[in-house]
Amino acid sequence: MDIGSVITEELEVEVLFNIPLFGGIPVTETVVVMWIIMAVMIIGGFLLTRNLKVENCSKRQLIVEAAYSKIYGFFRELVGERGEAFVPYLVIMIIFIGISNIFGIFGVKPPTKDVTLTGVLAIMSIVIIQIAGIKAKKTKGWLKSFASPTPIVLPINILELGIKPLSLCMRLFGNVLGAFVVMKLIEAVVPVVLPSVVSLYFDFFDGCIQAYVFTFLTALYIQEAVE
């Protein structure tokens, strides 16, 4: 098996159809799968949060509240009081990336295998981080932070505006693609039984770990921005 050709094939983003506007807008497989994931999250959120009660709560409500409180509390502790306004973004982000990473079990290409999506997620996170810094330090203090602790590091701090999103993007994309390559190698060597077992690891455990790492780093950057 030629791993190079397999990787090249995976890197290609298939255009499923075109929207007849402005000469035709291509809609890729990544976009369609993202629509499905967003629909799953919206419907799931509605079903899990309907008929909430203050007293005599159902088991469903208790489980949902406990899970949300655990995740919210974790990120609240990371970003601190000054960054608490951005915790809901982090919660949604970890859920979205986690679902995206494990969506491959349904026979479709996970959206996070598309470097365009991981790049957009990274840019969104960096924009949120800068907004957090401006909100905490005001515009003047935020601008001064680029020359901290000494003006000589100003060019490096400015470069970080591009380095951080690139790092987040390539880390998520590289790990998701790397897991796929490992799976293909295992299938080539041991085509029966073992690939199914290993797939559970890469589709679920590793997918959740990558979602955690991406969101954890974003939270740390927010905490750093509001300090």
C-alpha atoms as a PDB file:
ATOM      1  CA  MET A   1       0.000   0.000   0.000  1.00  0.00           C
ATOM      2  CA  ASP A   2       1.318   3.419  -0.972  1.00  0.00           C
ATOM      3  CA  ILE A   3       0.864   5.539   2.174  1.00  0.00           C
ATOM      4  CA  GLY A   4       1.748   8.691   0.248  1.00  0.00           C
ATOM      5  CA  SER A   5      -1.122   8.245  -2.193  1.00  0.00           C
ATOM      6  CA  VAL A   6      -3.509   7.403   0.657  1.00  0.00           C
ATOM      7  CA  ILE A   7      -2.548  10.597   2.514  1.00  0.00           C
ATOM      8  CA  THR A   8      -2.903  12.637  -0.670  1.00  0.00           C
ATOM      9  CA  GLU A   9      -6.363  11.176  -1.208  1.00  0.00           C
ATOM     10  CA  GLU A  10      -7.364  12.031   2.352  1.00  0.00           C
ATOM     11  CA  LEU A  11      -6.114  15.588   1.983  1.00  0.00           C
ATOM     12  CA  GLU A  12      -8.369  16.129  -1.007  1.00  0.00           C
ATOM     13  CA  VAL A  13     -11.677  17.764  -0.102  1.00  0.00           C
ATOM     14  CA  GLU A  14     -14.567  16.482  -2.208  1.00  0.00           C
ATOM     15  CA  VAL A  15     -17.055  19.033  -3.542  1.00  0.00           C
ATOM     16  CA  LEU A  16     -20.532  17.503  -3.189  1.00  0.00           C
ATOM     17  CA  PHE A  17     -22.557  20.184  -4.966  1.00  0.00           C
ATOM     18  CA  ASN A  18     -22.625  23.860  -5.889  1.00  0.00           C
ATOM     19  CA  ILE A  19     -24.999  26.557  -4.707  1.00  0.00           C
ATOM     20  CA  PRO A  20     -26.081  28.554  -7.794  1.00  0.00           C
ATOM     21  CA  LEU A  21     -25.126  31.972  -6.405  1.00  0.00           C
ATOM     22  CA  PHE A  22     -22.384  34.351  -7.564  1.00  0.00           C
ATOM     23  CA  GLY A  23     -21.349  31.926 -10.282  1.00  0.00           C
ATOM     24  CA  GLY A  24     -21.592  28.848  -8.066  1.00  0.00           C
ATOM     25  CA  ILE A  25     -20.469  28.358  -4.453  1.00  0.00           C
ATOM     26  CA  PRO A  26     -18.869  24.935  -3.900  1.00  0.00           C
ATOM     27  CA  VAL A  27     -20.125  22.991  -0.877  1.00  0.00           C
ATOM     28  CA  THR A  28     -17.569  20.430   0.288  1.00  0.00           C
ATOM     29  CA  GLU A  29     -17.972  17.249   2.306  1.00  0.00           C
ATOM     30  CA  THR A  30     -16.474  19.093   5.301  1.00  0.00           C
ATOM     31  CA  VAL A  31     -19.220  21.728   5.194  1.00  0.00           C
ATOM     32  CA  VAL A  32     -22.024  19.160   4.907  1.00  0.00           C
ATOM     33  CA  VAL A  33     -20.668  17.080   7.797  1.00  0.00           C
ATOM     34  CA  MET A  34     -20.338  20.271   9.874  1.00  0.00           C
ATOM     35  CA  TRP A  35     -23.994  21.070   9.169  1.00  0.00           C
ATOM     36  CA  ILE A  36     -24.928  17.598  10.388  1.00  0.00           C
ATOM     37  CA  ILE A  37     -22.813  17.980  13.534  1.00  0.00           C
ATOM     38  CA  MET A  38     -24.336  21.395  14.280  1.00  0.00           C
ATOM     39  CA  ALA A  39     -27.815  19.918  13.804  1.00  0.00           C
ATOM     40  CA  VAL A  40     -26.938  17.072  16.192  1.00  0.00           C
ATOM     41  CA  MET A  41     -25.679  19.560  18.792  1.00  0.00           C
ATOM     42  CA  ILE A  42     -28.757  21.807  18.475  1.00  0.00           C
ATOM     43  CA  ILE A  43     -31.249  18.927  18.633  1.00  0.00           C
ATOM     44  CA  GLY A  44     -29.283  17.218  21.394  1.00  0.00           C
ATOM     45  CA  GLY A  45     -29.131  20.441  23.392  1.00  0.00           C
ATOM     46  CA  PHE A  46     -32.884  20.932  23.018  1.00  0.00           C
ATOM     47  CA  LEU A  47     -33.711  17.370  24.052  1.00  0.00           C
ATOM     48  CA  LEU A  48     -31.340  17.383  27.010  1.00  0.00           C
ATOM     49  CA  THR A  49     -32.458  20.750  28.397  1.00  0.00           C
ATOM     50  CA  ARG A  50     -36.231  20.671  27.897  1.00  0.00           C
ATOM     51  CA  ASN A  51     -38.596  20.530  30.901  1.00  0.00           C
ATOM     52  CA  LEU A  52     -35.900  21.601  33.378  1.00  0.00           C
ATOM     53  CA  LYS A  53     -37.097  21.847  36.981  1.00  0.00           C
ATOM     54  CA  VAL A  54     -35.844  23.399  40.196  1.00  0.00           C
ATOM     55  CA  GLU A  55     -37.302  20.609  42.328  1.00  0.00           C
ATOM     56  CA  ASN A  56     -37.881  16.908  41.650  1.00  0.00           C
ATOM     57  CA  CYS A  57     -35.310  16.945  38.874  1.00  0.00           C
ATOM     58  CA  SER A  58     -35.140  13.997  36.500  1.00  0.00           C
ATOM     59  CA  LYS A  59     -32.048  11.796  36.246  1.00  0.00           C
ATOM     60  CA  ARG A  60     -31.429  13.246  32.792  1.00  0.00           C
ATOM     61  CA  GLN A  61     -31.357  16.774  34.171  1.00  0.00           C
ATOM     62  CA  LEU A  62     -29.070  15.794  37.059  1.00  0.00           C
ATOM     63  CA  ILE A  63     -26.609  14.082  34.715  1.00  0.00           C
ATOM     64  CA  VAL A  64     -26.598  17.029  32.282  1.00  0.00           C
ATOM     65  CA  GLU A  65     -26.157  19.572  35.077  1.00  0.00           C
ATOM     66  CA  ALA A  66     -23.371  17.537  36.686  1.00  0.00           C
ATOM     67  CA  ALA A  67     -21.508  17.126  33.378  1.00  0.00           C
ATOM     68  CA  TYR A  68     -21.865  20.800  32.439  1.00  0.00           C
ATOM     69  CA  SER A  69     -20.866  21.971  35.921  1.00  0.00           C
ATOM     70  CA  LYS A  70     -17.773  19.763  35.796  1.00  0.00           C
ATOM     71  CA  ILE A  71     -16.655  21.066  32.388  1.00  0.00           C
ATOM     72  CA  TYR A  72     -17.584  24.669  33.198  1.00  0.00           C
ATOM     73  CA  GLY A  73     -15.803  24.540  36.554  1.00  0.00           C
ATOM     74  CA  PHE A  74     -12.668  23.091  34.964  1.00  0.00           C
ATOM     75  CA  PHE A  75     -12.353  25.878  32.395  1.00  0.00           C
ATOM     76  CA  ARG A  76     -13.471  28.521  34.928  1.00  0.00           C
ATOM     77  CA  GLU A  77     -10.550  27.537  37.123  1.00  0.00           C
ATOM     78  CA  LEU A  78      -8.166  27.696  34.155  1.00  0.00           C
ATOM     79  CA  VAL A  79      -9.118  31.139  32.818  1.00  0.00           C
ATOM     80  CA  GLY A  80      -9.859  32.733  36.182  1.00  0.00           C
ATOM     81  CA  GLU A  81     -12.534  35.237  37.116  1.00  0.00           C
ATOM     82  CA  ARG A  82     -11.467  37.800  34.504  1.00  0.00           C
ATOM     83  CA  GLY A  83     -11.843  35.272  31.698  1.00  0.00           C
ATOM     84  CA  GLU A  84     -15.062  33.630  32.881  1.00  0.00           C
ATOM     85  CA  ALA A  85     -17.141  35.305  30.150  1.00  0.00           C
ATOM     86  CA  PHE A  86     -15.368  33.092  27.588  1.00  0.00           C
ATOM     87  CA  VAL A  87     -15.981  29.764  29.334  1.00  0.00           C
ATOM     88  CA  PRO A  88     -19.195  29.024  27.323  1.00  0.00           C
ATOM     89  CA  TYR A  89     -17.134  29.364  24.117  1.00  0.00           C
ATOM     90  CA  LEU A  90     -14.628  26.825  25.452  1.00  0.00           C
ATOM     91  CA  VAL A  91     -17.405  24.399  26.438  1.00  0.00           C
ATOM     92  CA  ILE A  92     -18.996  24.568  22.974  1.00  0.00           C
ATOM     93  CA  MET A  93     -15.594  24.265  21.319  1.00  0.00           C
ATOM     94  CA  ILE A  94     -14.560  21.094  23.155  1.00  0.00           C
ATOM     95  CA  ILE A  95     -17.938  19.476  22.421  1.00  0.00           C
ATOM     96  CA  PHE A  96     -17.834  20.435  18.733  1.00  0.00           C
ATOM     97  CA  ILE A  97     -14.250  19.253  18.166  1.00  0.00           C
ATOM     98  CA  GLY A  98     -14.867  16.066  20.148  1.00  0.00           C
ATOM     99  CA  ILE A  99     -17.920  15.155  18.053  1.00  0.00           C
ATOM    100  CA  SER A 100     -16.083  16.107  14.846  1.00  0.00           C
ATOM    101  CA  ASN A 101     -13.148  13.857  15.696  1.00  0.00           C
ATOM    102  CA  ILE A 102     -15.283  10.783  16.399  1.00  0.00           C
ATOM    103  CA  PHE A 103     -17.671  11.321  13.484  1.00  0.00           C
ATOM    104  CA  GLY A 104     -15.530   9.067  11.328  1.00  0.00           C
ATOM    105  CA  ILE A 105     -17.176   6.008  12.880  1.00  0.00           C
ATOM    106  CA  PHE A 106     -20.188   6.765  10.653  1.00  0.00           C
ATOM    107  CA  GLY A 107     -18.134   6.245   7.523  1.00  0.00           C
ATOM    108  CA  VAL A 108     -17.563   9.922   6.685  1.00  0.00           C
ATOM    109  CA  LYS A 109     -14.393  11.969   6.743  1.00  0.00           C
ATOM    110  CA  PRO A 110     -14.049  13.849  10.070  1.00  0.00           C
ATOM    111  CA  PRO A 111     -14.179  17.615   9.421  1.00  0.00           C
ATOM    112  CA  THR A 112     -11.011  18.084  11.481  1.00  0.00           C
ATOM    113  CA  LYS A 113      -9.128  16.201   8.743  1.00  0.00           C
ATOM    114  CA  ASP A 114      -9.614  19.321   6.634  1.00  0.00           C
ATOM    115  CA  VAL A 115      -6.839  21.824   7.386  1.00  0.00           C
ATOM    116  CA  THR A 116      -9.215  24.630   6.362  1.00  0.00           C
ATOM    117  CA  LEU A 117     -11.532  23.856   9.273  1.00  0.00           C
ATOM    118  CA  THR A 118      -8.748  23.465  11.839  1.00  0.00           C
ATOM    119  CA  GLY A 119      -7.314  26.760  10.585  1.00  0.00           C
ATOM    120  CA  VAL A 120     -10.661  28.523  11.026  1.00  0.00           C
ATOM    121  CA  LEU A 121     -11.057  27.085  14.541  1.00  0.00           C
ATOM    122  CA  ALA A 122      -7.561  28.281  15.433  1.00  0.00           C
ATOM    123  CA  ILE A 123      -8.199  31.787  14.073  1.00  0.00           C
ATOM    124  CA  MET A 124     -11.500  31.964  15.977  1.00  0.00           C
ATOM    125  CA  SER A 125      -9.697  31.025  19.191  1.00  0.00           C
ATOM    126  CA  ILE A 126      -6.955  33.607  18.681  1.00  0.00           C
ATOM    127  CA  VAL A 127      -9.557  36.324  17.982  1.00  0.00           C
ATOM    128  CA  ILE A 128     -11.362  35.363  21.206  1.00  0.00           C
ATOM    129  CA  ILE A 129      -8.028  35.477  23.064  1.00  0.00           C
ATOM    130  CA  GLN A 130      -7.284  39.003  21.820  1.00  0.00           C
ATOM    131  CA  ILE A 131     -10.820  40.136  22.679  1.00  0.00           C
ATOM    132  CA  ALA A 132     -10.302  38.738  26.183  1.00  0.00           C
ATOM    133  CA  GLY A 133      -7.065  40.709  26.474  1.00  0.00           C
ATOM    134  CA  ILE A 134      -8.691  43.939  25.297  1.00  0.00           C
ATOM    135  CA  LYS A 135     -11.639  43.439  27.636  1.00  0.00           C
ATOM    136  CA  ALA A 136      -9.375  42.821  30.642  1.00  0.00           C
ATOM    137  CA  LYS A 137      -6.677  45.436  29.936  1.00  0.00           C
ATOM    138  CA  LYS A 138      -8.551  47.943  27.768  1.00  0.00           C
ATOM    139  CA  THR A 139      -7.148  48.861  24.368  1.00  0.00           C
ATOM    140  CA  LYS A 140      -4.205  50.862  25.708  1.00  0.00           C
ATOM    141  CA  GLY A 141      -3.128  48.174  28.143  1.00  0.00           C
ATOM    142  CA  TRP A 142      -3.537  45.490  25.470  1.00  0.00           C
ATOM    143  CA  LEU A 143      -1.268  47.365  23.086  1.00  0.00           C
ATOM    144  CA  LYS A 144       1.292  47.902  25.840  1.00  0.00           C
ATOM    145  CA  SER A 145       1.328  44.157  26.561  1.00  0.00           C
ATOM    146  CA  PHE A 146       3.063  43.565  23.230  1.00  0.00           C
ATOM    147  CA  ALA A 147       6.106  45.406  24.608  1.00  0.00           C
ATOM    148  CA  SER A 148       6.092  43.441  27.868  1.00  0.00           C
ATOM    149  CA  PRO A 149       8.342  42.703  29.699  1.00  0.00           C
ATOM    150  CA  THR A 150      10.691  44.808  27.544  1.00  0.00           C
ATOM    151  CA  PRO A 151      10.210  46.653  24.218  1.00  0.00           C
ATOM    152  CA  ILE A 152      12.890  44.474  22.620  1.00  0.00           C
ATOM    153  CA  VAL A 153      10.418  41.536  22.495  1.00  0.00           C
ATOM    154  CA  LEU A 154       7.810  43.565  20.565  1.00  0.00           C
ATOM    155  CA  PRO A 155       8.499  41.843  17.197  1.00  0.00           C
ATOM    156  CA  ILE A 156       8.325  38.393  18.828  1.00  0.00           C
ATOM    157  CA  ASN A 157       5.028  39.175  20.558  1.00  0.00           C
ATOM    158  CA  ILE A 158       3.573  40.426  17.275  1.00  0.00           C
ATOM    159  CA  LEU A 159       4.757  37.267  15.501  1.00  0.00           C
ATOM    160  CA  GLU A 160       2.921  35.209  18.133  1.00  0.00           C
ATOM    161  CA  LEU A 161      -0.367  36.504  16.715  1.00  0.00           C
ATOM    162  CA  GLY A 162       0.329  34.300  13.693  1.00  0.00           C
ATOM    163  CA  ILE A 163       2.367  31.568  15.365  1.00  0.00           C
ATOM    164  CA  LYS A 164      -0.273  30.637  17.936  1.00  0.00           C
ATOM    165  CA  PRO A 165      -3.117  29.968  15.472  1.00  0.00           C
ATOM    166  CA  LEU A 166      -0.719  28.089  13.187  1.00  0.00           C
ATOM    167  CA  SER A 167       0.394  25.946  16.127  1.00  0.00           C
ATOM    168  CA  LEU A 168      -3.191  25.195  17.194  1.00  0.00           C
ATOM    169  CA  CYS A 169      -4.235  24.453  13.616  1.00  0.00           C
ATOM    170  CA  MET A 170      -1.379  22.112  12.732  1.00  0.00           C
ATOM    171  CA  ARG A 171      -1.442  20.303  16.082  1.00  0.00           C
ATOM    172  CA  LEU A 172      -5.111  19.350  15.705  1.00  0.00           C
ATOM    173  CA  PHE A 173      -4.895  18.606  11.980  1.00  0.00           C
ATOM    174  CA  GLY A 174      -1.616  16.688  12.297  1.00  0.00           C
ATOM    175  CA  ASN A 175      -2.815  14.468  15.125  1.00  0.00           C
ATOM    176  CA  VAL A 176      -6.100  13.604  13.408  1.00  0.00           C
ATOM    177  CA  LEU A 177      -4.325  12.850  10.122  1.00  0.00           C
ATOM    178  CA  GLY A 178      -1.560  10.962  11.945  1.00  0.00           C
ATOM    179  CA  ALA A 179      -4.117   8.702  13.610  1.00  0.00           C
ATOM    180  CA  PHE A 180      -5.543   7.913  10.170  1.00  0.00           C
ATOM    181  CA  VAL A 181      -2.097   7.009   8.785  1.00  0.00           C
ATOM    182  CA  VAL A 182      -1.407   4.691  11.726  1.00  0.00           C
ATOM    183  CA  MET A 183      -4.765   3.009  11.163  1.00  0.00           C
ATOM    184  CA  LYS A 184      -3.942   2.412   7.480  1.00  0.00           C
ATOM    185  CA  LEU A 185      -0.579   0.899   8.403  1.00  0.00           C
ATOM    186  CA  ILE A 186      -2.216  -1.447  10.896  1.00  0.00           C
ATOM    187  CA  GLU A 187      -4.841  -2.474   8.331  1.00  0.00           C
ATOM    188  CA  ALA A 188      -2.061  -3.272   5.851  1.00  0.00           C
ATOM    189  CA  VAL A 189      -0.160  -5.460   8.344  1.00  0.00           C
ATOM    190  CA  VAL A 190      -3.041  -7.046  10.280  1.00  0.00           C
ATOM    191  CA  PRO A 191      -6.225  -6.660   8.191  1.00  0.00           C
ATOM    192  CA  VAL A 192      -8.518  -8.632  10.536  1.00  0.00           C
ATOM    193  CA  VAL A 193      -9.802  -7.911  14.089  1.00  0.00           C
ATOM    194  CA  LEU A 194      -6.958  -5.653  15.325  1.00  0.00           C
ATOM    195  CA  PRO A 195      -7.900  -2.620  13.170  1.00  0.00           C
ATOM    196  CA  SER A 196     -11.401  -2.607  14.674  1.00  0.00           C
ATOM    197  CA  VAL A 197     -10.006  -2.601  18.218  1.00  0.00           C
ATOM    198  CA  VAL A 198      -7.438   0.109  17.462  1.00  0.00           C
ATOM    199  CA  SER A 199     -10.092   2.144  15.668  1.00  0.00           C
ATOM    200  CA  LEU A 200     -12.007   2.430  18.930  1.00  0.00           C
ATOM    201  CA  TYR A 201      -8.932   4.016  20.477  1.00  0.00           C
ATOM    202  CA  PHE A 202      -8.284   6.514  17.676  1.00  0.00           C
ATOM    203  CA  ASP A 203     -11.946   7.340  16.994  1.00  0.00           C
ATOM    204  CA  PHE A 204     -13.007   7.814  20.601  1.00  0.00           C
ATOM    205  CA  PHE A 205     -10.154   8.165  23.086  1.00  0.00           C
ATOM    206  CA  ASP A 206      -7.627   9.943  20.874  1.00  0.00           C
ATOM    207  CA  GLY A 207     -10.359  12.083  19.292  1.00  0.00           C
ATOM    208  CA  CYS A 208     -11.484  13.292  22.711  1.00  0.00           C
ATOM    209  CA  ILE A 209      -7.880  13.889  23.796  1.00  0.00           C
ATOM    210  CA  GLN A 210      -7.236  16.104  20.763  1.00  0.00           C
ATOM    211  CA  ALA A 211     -10.408  18.107  21.502  1.00  0.00           C
ATOM    212  CA  TYR A 212      -9.229  18.523  25.093  1.00  0.00           C
ATOM    213  CA  VAL A 213      -5.714  19.613  24.106  1.00  0.00           C
ATOM    214  CA  PHE A 214      -6.951  22.218  21.594  1.00  0.00           C
ATOM    215  CA  THR A 215      -9.433  23.727  24.047  1.00  0.00           C
ATOM    216  CA  PHE A 216      -7.040  23.479  27.001  1.00  0.00           C
ATOM    217  CA  LEU A 217      -4.381  25.467  25.125  1.00  0.00           C
ATOM    218  CA  THR A 218      -6.970  28.057  24.099  1.00  0.00           C
ATOM    219  CA  ALA A 219      -7.982  28.401  27.762  1.00  0.00           C
ATOM    220  CA  LEU A 220      -4.358  28.856  28.803  1.00  0.00           C
ATOM    221  CA  TYR A 221      -3.878  31.552  26.160  1.00  0.00           C
ATOM    222  CA  ILE A 222      -7.022  33.343  27.415  1.00  0.00           C
ATOM    223  CA  GLN A 223      -5.731  33.160  30.970  1.00  0.00           C
ATOM    224  CA  GLU A 224      -2.403  34.577  29.816  1.00  0.00           C
ATOM    225  CA  ALA A 225      -4.167  37.382  27.910  1.00  0.00           C
ATOM    226  CA  VAL A 226      -6.224  38.553  30.899  1.00  0.00           C
ATOM    227  CA  GLU A 227      -3.364  38.413  33.414  1.00  0.00           C
END
